[in-house]
Amino acid sequence: MFDKKRNTKNLRQRGRMQFFYHLPESKLPIRDVLNRHGQGIKTEPHIECSAENYWDRCCQTQSVAPLLDNNERYLFLVTNCQNPEFGKRYGSKLVVGYIDVQGSGVRRLWGGYFRYVFGETKLVGFNDAVLWTGSGKNALGYSHFARSQKIDQRRTRMILERLKDKDNILEACVAEIQKFDPEGKTCLKSHSRPCPLEDRCLRFHPSKDQRVRAGSSTKDSDCRPHCK
């Protein structure tokens, strides 16, 4: 069941943090689909559909519900880079992208209900990401240990400005998820469950470039690690 699509012009130009566990084997900012962190096979953020809190009640009370209830616009995707090839950025907490939330829906699970959000998604490589911690002009100054955070208007503008001209690697990241999850363990349809956002899912409706990437390792220069 869908809520009405949101008019983003009437929303507060601020957002919420959405933390996820990074798959260490990947050079791209994708969720841990192999349970390398011992926290289960991760389904969120469900970037295939540009959605969050889509499979289950992930962080509903910490991010999704407050964002919707307070008419906030952006869900900022944050992770710790776990690939050691990225030098100084290895282990750093980074804003690797965001969902510009344009709509929401309600799903039923185990007799209860939970809310999910979806919208236009942008993801960038670790070298282009925004530092979450630190006091420099290029850092947001938040705690490294934060798992939930309201992002104020000033920092929202800063993140958007920093990421504005960076390449969007969303499709490369979806292809990477498919490479590490070829059986579709994190796909609703593979579990014979209804998928309200199937028509916008990049697993089922990939672009030509994405189909090429799914068959080989990505070679995008912005995705290759290098030391800084």
C-alpha atoms as a PDB file:
ATOM      1  CA  MET A   1       0.000   0.000   0.000  1.00  0.00           C
ATOM      2  CA  PHE A   2       1.477   3.371  -1.046  1.00  0.00           C
ATOM      3  CA  ASP A   3       1.190   6.717   0.662  1.00  0.00           C
ATOM      4  CA  LYS A   4       0.796   9.723  -1.577  1.00  0.00           C
ATOM      5  CA  LYS A   5       3.996  10.812  -3.278  1.00  0.00           C
ATOM      6  CA  ARG A   6       5.645  13.697  -1.505  1.00  0.00           C
ATOM      7  CA  ASN A   7       6.041  17.182  -2.913  1.00  0.00           C
ATOM      8  CA  THR A   8       9.750  17.655  -2.224  1.00  0.00           C
ATOM      9  CA  LYS A   9       9.467  21.442  -2.610  1.00  0.00           C
ATOM     10  CA  ASN A  10       7.382  21.575   0.567  1.00  0.00           C
ATOM     11  CA  LEU A  11       9.755  19.461   2.649  1.00  0.00           C
ATOM     12  CA  ARG A  12      12.365  20.626   5.124  1.00  0.00           C
ATOM     13  CA  GLN A  13      15.748  20.666   3.419  1.00  0.00           C
ATOM     14  CA  ARG A  14      17.409  18.442   5.983  1.00  0.00           C
ATOM     15  CA  GLY A  15      17.544  14.708   6.682  1.00  0.00           C
ATOM     16  CA  ARG A  16      18.447  11.665   8.728  1.00  0.00           C
ATOM     17  CA  MET A  17      21.400   9.343   8.871  1.00  0.00           C
ATOM     18  CA  GLN A  18      20.936   5.747   7.715  1.00  0.00           C
ATOM     19  CA  PHE A  19      23.872   3.534   8.712  1.00  0.00           C
ATOM     20  CA  PHE A  20      24.635   0.241   6.989  1.00  0.00           C
ATOM     21  CA  TYR A  21      27.381  -2.393   7.193  1.00  0.00           C
ATOM     22  CA  HIS A  22      29.812  -2.431   4.263  1.00  0.00           C
ATOM     23  CA  LEU A  23      30.804  -5.691   2.568  1.00  0.00           C
ATOM     24  CA  PRO A  24      34.611  -5.784   3.058  1.00  0.00           C
ATOM     25  CA  GLU A  25      35.318  -7.707  -0.159  1.00  0.00           C
ATOM     26  CA  SER A  26      33.836  -4.926  -2.261  1.00  0.00           C
ATOM     27  CA  LYS A  27      35.524  -1.738  -3.395  1.00  0.00           C
ATOM     28  CA  LEU A  28      32.074  -0.197  -3.739  1.00  0.00           C
ATOM     29  CA  PRO A  29      29.810   1.044  -0.924  1.00  0.00           C
ATOM     30  CA  ILE A  30      27.370  -1.883  -0.835  1.00  0.00           C
ATOM     31  CA  ARG A  31      25.628  -3.559   2.106  1.00  0.00           C
ATOM     32  CA  ASP A  32      26.960  -6.731   3.730  1.00  0.00           C
ATOM     33  CA  VAL A  33      25.143  -9.420   1.727  1.00  0.00           C
ATOM     34  CA  LEU A  34      27.510 -12.141   3.001  1.00  0.00           C
ATOM     35  CA  ASN A  35      27.171 -11.556   6.774  1.00  0.00           C
ATOM     36  CA  ARG A  36      30.853 -10.719   7.193  1.00  0.00           C
ATOM     37  CA  HIS A  37      30.024  -8.599  10.261  1.00  0.00           C
ATOM     38  CA  GLY A  38      27.995 -11.325  11.941  1.00  0.00           C
ATOM     39  CA  GLN A  39      24.880  -9.162  11.903  1.00  0.00           C
ATOM     40  CA  GLY A  40      22.968 -11.228   9.359  1.00  0.00           C
ATOM     41  CA  ILE A  41      22.676 -10.962   5.582  1.00  0.00           C
ATOM     42  CA  LYS A  42      21.756  -7.344   5.019  1.00  0.00           C
ATOM     43  CA  THR A  43      18.877  -6.275   2.809  1.00  0.00           C
ATOM     44  CA  GLU A  44      19.041  -2.536   3.520  1.00  0.00           C
ATOM     45  CA  PRO A  45      19.504  -0.037   2.067  1.00  0.00           C
ATOM     46  CA  HIS A  46      17.630  -1.757  -0.748  1.00  0.00           C
ATOM     47  CA  ILE A  47      19.304   0.270  -3.458  1.00  0.00           C
ATOM     48  CA  GLU A  48      17.953  -1.971  -6.217  1.00  0.00           C
ATOM     49  CA  CYS A  49      14.619  -0.206  -5.656  1.00  0.00           C
ATOM     50  CA  SER A  50      16.141   2.998  -4.247  1.00  0.00           C
ATOM     51  CA  ALA A  51      14.397   2.193  -0.968  1.00  0.00           C
ATOM     52  CA  GLU A  52      15.076   1.850   2.761  1.00  0.00           C
ATOM     53  CA  ASN A  53      13.372  -0.212   5.485  1.00  0.00           C
ATOM     54  CA  TYR A  54      11.830  -2.158   2.624  1.00  0.00           C
ATOM     55  CA  TRP A  55      12.273  -5.790   3.668  1.00  0.00           C
ATOM     56  CA  ASP A  56      11.851  -5.491   7.384  1.00  0.00           C
ATOM     57  CA  ARG A  57      11.742  -3.074  10.294  1.00  0.00           C
ATOM     58  CA  CYS A  58      15.391  -2.102   9.926  1.00  0.00           C
ATOM     59  CA  CYS A  59      15.797   1.301  11.571  1.00  0.00           C
ATOM     60  CA  GLN A  60      12.227   2.480  11.346  1.00  0.00           C
ATOM     61  CA  THR A  61      12.093   4.312  14.657  1.00  0.00           C
ATOM     62  CA  GLN A  62      15.573   5.829  14.255  1.00  0.00           C
ATOM     63  CA  SER A  63      15.410   7.203  10.735  1.00  0.00           C
ATOM     64  CA  VAL A  64      12.435   6.415   8.502  1.00  0.00           C
ATOM     65  CA  ALA A  65       9.584   7.326  10.847  1.00  0.00           C
ATOM     66  CA  PRO A  66      11.221  10.559  12.147  1.00  0.00           C
ATOM     67  CA  LEU A  67      12.029  11.637   8.589  1.00  0.00           C
ATOM     68  CA  LEU A  68       8.430  11.157   7.469  1.00  0.00           C
ATOM     69  CA  ASP A  69       6.851  12.572  10.619  1.00  0.00           C
ATOM     70  CA  ASN A  70       9.010  15.713  10.473  1.00  0.00           C
ATOM     71  CA  ASN A  71       8.623  16.300   6.712  1.00  0.00           C
ATOM     72  CA  GLU A  72      12.345  15.921   6.082  1.00  0.00           C
ATOM     73  CA  ARG A  73      13.661  15.309   2.589  1.00  0.00           C
ATOM     74  CA  TYR A  74      16.903  13.316   2.595  1.00  0.00           C
ATOM     75  CA  LEU A  75      18.008   9.952   3.957  1.00  0.00           C
ATOM     76  CA  PHE A  76      21.809  10.036   4.021  1.00  0.00           C
ATOM     77  CA  LEU A  77      23.534   6.667   3.546  1.00  0.00           C
ATOM     78  CA  VAL A  78      26.493   6.214   5.895  1.00  0.00           C
ATOM     79  CA  THR A  79      28.945   3.346   6.324  1.00  0.00           C
ATOM     80  CA  ASN A  80      32.446   2.498   7.537  1.00  0.00           C
ATOM     81  CA  CYS A  81      34.806   1.686   4.659  1.00  0.00           C
ATOM     82  CA  GLN A  82      35.996  -1.870   5.371  1.00  0.00           C
ATOM     83  CA  ASN A  83      38.248  -2.398   2.362  1.00  0.00           C
ATOM     84  CA  PRO A  84      41.921  -1.855   3.389  1.00  0.00           C
ATOM     85  CA  GLU A  85      42.937  -0.875  -0.147  1.00  0.00           C
ATOM     86  CA  PHE A  86      41.522   2.600   0.464  1.00  0.00           C
ATOM     87  CA  GLY A  87      44.415   3.720   2.644  1.00  0.00           C
ATOM     88  CA  LYS A  88      43.508   6.523   5.033  1.00  0.00           C
ATOM     89  CA  ARG A  89      39.819   6.078   4.303  1.00  0.00           C
ATOM     90  CA  TYR A  90      39.879   2.484   5.519  1.00  0.00           C
ATOM     91  CA  GLY A  91      37.830   2.332   8.724  1.00  0.00           C
ATOM     92  CA  SER A  92      36.485   5.868   8.237  1.00  0.00           C
ATOM     93  CA  LYS A  93      32.792   6.600   8.593  1.00  0.00           C
ATOM     94  CA  LEU A  94      31.596   8.223   5.372  1.00  0.00           C
ATOM     95  CA  VAL A  95      28.460   9.615   3.758  1.00  0.00           C
ATOM     96  CA  VAL A  96      28.440   7.646   0.507  1.00  0.00           C
ATOM     97  CA  GLY A  97      25.160   8.950  -0.850  1.00  0.00           C
ATOM     98  CA  TYR A  98      21.528   9.676  -0.162  1.00  0.00           C
ATOM     99  CA  ILE A  99      17.930   8.929  -1.044  1.00  0.00           C
ATOM    100  CA  ASP A 100      15.929  12.002  -2.006  1.00  0.00           C
ATOM    101  CA  VAL A 101      12.736  10.606  -0.483  1.00  0.00           C
ATOM    102  CA  GLN A 102       9.827  11.079  -2.871  1.00  0.00           C
ATOM    103  CA  GLY A 103       7.358   8.588  -1.472  1.00  0.00           C
ATOM    104  CA  SER A 104       6.632   5.994   1.182  1.00  0.00           C
ATOM    105  CA  GLY A 105       4.611   2.879   1.688  1.00  0.00           C
ATOM    106  CA  VAL A 106       3.379   0.476   4.334  1.00  0.00           C
ATOM    107  CA  ARG A 107       4.120  -3.250   4.408  1.00  0.00           C
ATOM    108  CA  ARG A 108       2.723  -5.978   6.600  1.00  0.00           C
ATOM    109  CA  LEU A 109       5.002  -8.423   8.402  1.00  0.00           C
ATOM    110  CA  TRP A 110       4.187 -11.037  11.045  1.00  0.00           C
ATOM    111  CA  GLY A 111       0.856  -9.460  11.858  1.00  0.00           C
ATOM    112  CA  GLY A 112       2.287  -5.954  12.184  1.00  0.00           C
ATOM    113  CA  TYR A 113       2.985  -3.058   9.859  1.00  0.00           C
ATOM    114  CA  PHE A 114       6.063  -1.020   9.043  1.00  0.00           C
ATOM    115  CA  ARG A 115       6.867   1.937   6.808  1.00  0.00           C
ATOM    116  CA  TYR A 116       9.408   2.197   4.033  1.00  0.00           C
ATOM    117  CA  VAL A 117      10.629   5.062   1.876  1.00  0.00           C
ATOM    118  CA  PHE A 118      11.815   5.325  -1.714  1.00  0.00           C
ATOM    119  CA  GLY A 119      13.084   8.030  -4.043  1.00  0.00           C
ATOM    120  CA  GLU A 120      15.915   9.140  -6.290  1.00  0.00           C
ATOM    121  CA  THR A 121      19.194   7.661  -5.076  1.00  0.00           C
ATOM    122  CA  LYS A 122      22.773   8.778  -5.547  1.00  0.00           C
ATOM    123  CA  LEU A 123      25.830   6.765  -4.495  1.00  0.00           C
ATOM    124  CA  VAL A 124      29.483   7.729  -4.836  1.00  0.00           C
ATOM    125  CA  GLY A 125      32.768   5.906  -4.391  1.00  0.00           C
ATOM    126  CA  PHE A 126      34.652   5.983  -1.098  1.00  0.00           C
ATOM    127  CA  ASN A 127      37.170   8.513  -2.381  1.00  0.00           C
ATOM    128  CA  ASP A 128      34.360  10.925  -3.247  1.00  0.00           C
ATOM    129  CA  ALA A 129      32.406  10.415  -0.014  1.00  0.00           C
ATOM    130  CA  VAL A 130      32.004  12.987   2.770  1.00  0.00           C
ATOM    131  CA  LEU A 131      33.791  12.418   6.080  1.00  0.00           C
ATOM    132  CA  TRP A 132      31.355  11.882   8.931  1.00  0.00           C
ATOM    133  CA  THR A 133      33.783  12.704  11.751  1.00  0.00           C
ATOM    134  CA  GLY A 134      36.490  15.299  12.201  1.00  0.00           C
ATOM    135  CA  SER A 135      36.720  19.058  12.569  1.00  0.00           C
ATOM    136  CA  GLY A 136      38.057  20.096   9.164  1.00  0.00           C
ATOM    137  CA  LYS A 137      36.102  22.026   6.550  1.00  0.00           C
ATOM    138  CA  ASN A 138      35.436  18.806   4.625  1.00  0.00           C
ATOM    139  CA  ALA A 139      34.082  16.881   7.632  1.00  0.00           C
ATOM    140  CA  LEU A 140      30.646  16.920   9.250  1.00  0.00           C
ATOM    141  CA  GLY A 141      31.917  16.729  12.819  1.00  0.00           C
ATOM    142  CA  TYR A 142      29.571  13.992  14.057  1.00  0.00           C
ATOM    143  CA  SER A 143      30.479  11.127  16.399  1.00  0.00           C
ATOM    144  CA  HIS A 144      32.125   8.057  14.884  1.00  0.00           C
ATOM    145  CA  PHE A 145      29.899   5.866  17.060  1.00  0.00           C
ATOM    146  CA  ALA A 146      26.588   7.358  15.924  1.00  0.00           C
ATOM    147  CA  ARG A 147      23.991   4.968  14.520  1.00  0.00           C
ATOM    148  CA  SER A 148      21.222   7.556  14.220  1.00  0.00           C
ATOM    149  CA  GLN A 149      21.460  11.298  13.675  1.00  0.00           C
ATOM    150  CA  LYS A 150      19.344  14.196  12.479  1.00  0.00           C
ATOM    151  CA  ILE A 151      21.270  16.111   9.813  1.00  0.00           C
ATOM    152  CA  ASP A 152      20.683  19.829  10.097  1.00  0.00           C
ATOM    153  CA  GLN A 153      20.130  22.178   7.170  1.00  0.00           C
ATOM    154  CA  ARG A 154      23.707  23.503   7.075  1.00  0.00           C
ATOM    155  CA  ARG A 155      25.265  20.041   6.919  1.00  0.00           C
ATOM    156  CA  THR A 156      22.635  18.900   4.437  1.00  0.00           C
ATOM    157  CA  ARG A 157      23.678  21.715   2.088  1.00  0.00           C
ATOM    158  CA  MET A 158      27.325  20.794   2.630  1.00  0.00           C
ATOM    159  CA  ILE A 159      26.769  17.124   1.726  1.00  0.00           C
ATOM    160  CA  LEU A 160      24.710  17.945  -1.354  1.00  0.00           C
ATOM    161  CA  GLU A 161      27.271  20.461  -2.562  1.00  0.00           C
ATOM    162  CA  ARG A 162      30.150  18.015  -2.074  1.00  0.00           C
ATOM    163  CA  LEU A 163      28.386  15.217  -3.942  1.00  0.00           C
ATOM    164  CA  LYS A 164      26.762  17.343  -6.643  1.00  0.00           C
ATOM    165  CA  ASP A 165      29.418  16.875  -9.324  1.00  0.00           C
ATOM    166  CA  LYS A 166      30.449  13.328  -8.388  1.00  0.00           C
ATOM    167  CA  ASP A 167      29.518  10.414 -10.618  1.00  0.00           C
ATOM    168  CA  ASN A 168      26.486   8.425  -9.498  1.00  0.00           C
ATOM    169  CA  ILE A 169      27.609   4.778  -9.245  1.00  0.00           C
ATOM    170  CA  LEU A 170      24.211   3.399  -8.187  1.00  0.00           C
ATOM    171  CA  GLU A 171      23.969   0.974 -11.104  1.00  0.00           C
ATOM    172  CA  ALA A 172      27.528  -0.258 -10.565  1.00  0.00           C
ATOM    173  CA  CYS A 173      26.657  -0.918  -6.921  1.00  0.00           C
ATOM    174  CA  VAL A 174      23.528  -2.885  -7.854  1.00  0.00           C
ATOM    175  CA  ALA A 175      25.603  -4.983 -10.283  1.00  0.00           C
ATOM    176  CA  GLU A 176      28.099  -5.555  -7.455  1.00  0.00           C
ATOM    177  CA  ILE A 177      25.328  -6.778  -5.152  1.00  0.00           C
ATOM    178  CA  GLN A 178      24.198  -9.189  -7.847  1.00  0.00           C
ATOM    179  CA  LYS A 179      27.772 -10.456  -8.201  1.00  0.00           C
ATOM    180  CA  PHE A 180      28.043 -11.269  -4.492  1.00  0.00           C
ATOM    181  CA  ASP A 181      24.395 -12.354  -4.164  1.00  0.00           C
ATOM    182  CA  PRO A 182      23.768 -14.288  -7.410  1.00  0.00           C
ATOM    183  CA  GLU A 183      21.036 -16.416  -5.803  1.00  0.00           C
ATOM    184  CA  GLY A 184      19.062 -13.319  -4.862  1.00  0.00           C
ATOM    185  CA  LYS A 185      18.993 -14.023  -1.133  1.00  0.00           C
ATOM    186  CA  THR A 186      18.291 -10.336  -0.554  1.00  0.00           C
ATOM    187  CA  CYS A 187      15.596 -10.148  -3.232  1.00  0.00           C
ATOM    188  CA  LEU A 188      11.955 -10.355  -2.149  1.00  0.00           C
ATOM    189  CA  LYS A 189      10.842 -12.162  -5.283  1.00  0.00           C
ATOM    190  CA  SER A 190      13.410 -14.907  -4.735  1.00  0.00           C
ATOM    191  CA  HIS A 191      11.547 -15.633  -1.495  1.00  0.00           C
ATOM    192  CA  SER A 192       8.135 -15.600  -3.211  1.00  0.00           C
ATOM    193  CA  ARG A 193       7.226 -12.393  -1.390  1.00  0.00           C
ATOM    194  CA  PRO A 194       5.385  -9.505  -3.066  1.00  0.00           C
ATOM    195  CA  CYS A 195       7.548  -6.603  -4.216  1.00  0.00           C
ATOM    196  CA  PRO A 196       5.541  -3.362  -4.534  1.00  0.00           C
ATOM    197  CA  LEU A 197       8.524  -1.585  -6.117  1.00  0.00           C
ATOM    198  CA  GLU A 198       9.348  -4.250  -8.703  1.00  0.00           C
ATOM    199  CA  ASP A 199       8.663  -1.846 -11.566  1.00  0.00           C
ATOM    200  CA  ARG A 200      11.565   0.355 -10.416  1.00  0.00           C
ATOM    201  CA  CYS A 201      13.928  -2.477  -9.386  1.00  0.00           C
ATOM    202  CA  LEU A 202      17.290  -2.441 -11.155  1.00  0.00           C
ATOM    203  CA  ARG A 203      17.599  -6.220 -10.731  1.00  0.00           C
ATOM    204  CA  PHE A 204      14.639  -6.712 -13.064  1.00  0.00           C
ATOM    205  CA  HIS A 205      14.959  -3.559 -15.158  1.00  0.00           C
ATOM    206  CA  PRO A 206      18.696  -2.955 -15.561  1.00  0.00           C
ATOM    207  CA  SER A 207      20.135  -0.428 -17.939  1.00  0.00           C
ATOM    208  CA  LYS A 208      22.438  -1.558 -20.743  1.00  0.00           C
ATOM    209  CA  ASP A 209      25.493  -0.385 -18.808  1.00  0.00           C
ATOM    210  CA  GLN A 210      24.369  -2.292 -15.739  1.00  0.00           C
ATOM    211  CA  ARG A 211      23.923  -5.527 -17.720  1.00  0.00           C
ATOM    212  CA  VAL A 212      27.513  -5.186 -18.896  1.00  0.00           C
ATOM    213  CA  ARG A 213      28.766  -4.578 -15.355  1.00  0.00           C
ATOM    214  CA  ALA A 214      26.856  -7.566 -13.974  1.00  0.00           C
ATOM    215  CA  GLY A 215      28.958  -9.834 -16.159  1.00  0.00           C
ATOM    216  CA  SER A 216      32.330  -8.402 -15.176  1.00  0.00           C
ATOM    217  CA  SER A 217      34.109  -6.433 -12.496  1.00  0.00           C
ATOM    218  CA  THR A 218      33.523  -2.703 -12.656  1.00  0.00           C
ATOM    219  CA  LYS A 219      36.387  -0.712 -14.156  1.00  0.00           C
ATOM    220  CA  ASP A 220      35.106   2.764 -13.460  1.00  0.00           C
ATOM    221  CA  SER A 221      38.030   4.946 -12.450  1.00  0.00           C
ATOM    222  CA  ASP A 222      35.997   6.573  -9.685  1.00  0.00           C
ATOM    223  CA  CYS A 223      35.475   3.156  -8.082  1.00  0.00           C
ATOM    224  CA  ARG A 224      39.123   2.108  -7.989  1.00  0.00           C
ATOM    225  CA  PRO A 225      40.817   2.641  -4.625  1.00  0.00           C
ATOM    226  CA  HIS A 226      43.875   4.764  -4.206  1.00  0.00           C
ATOM    227  CA  CYS A 227      45.716   6.161  -1.233  1.00  0.00           C
ATOM    228  CA  LYS A 228      45.404   9.787  -0.276  1.00  0.00           C
END
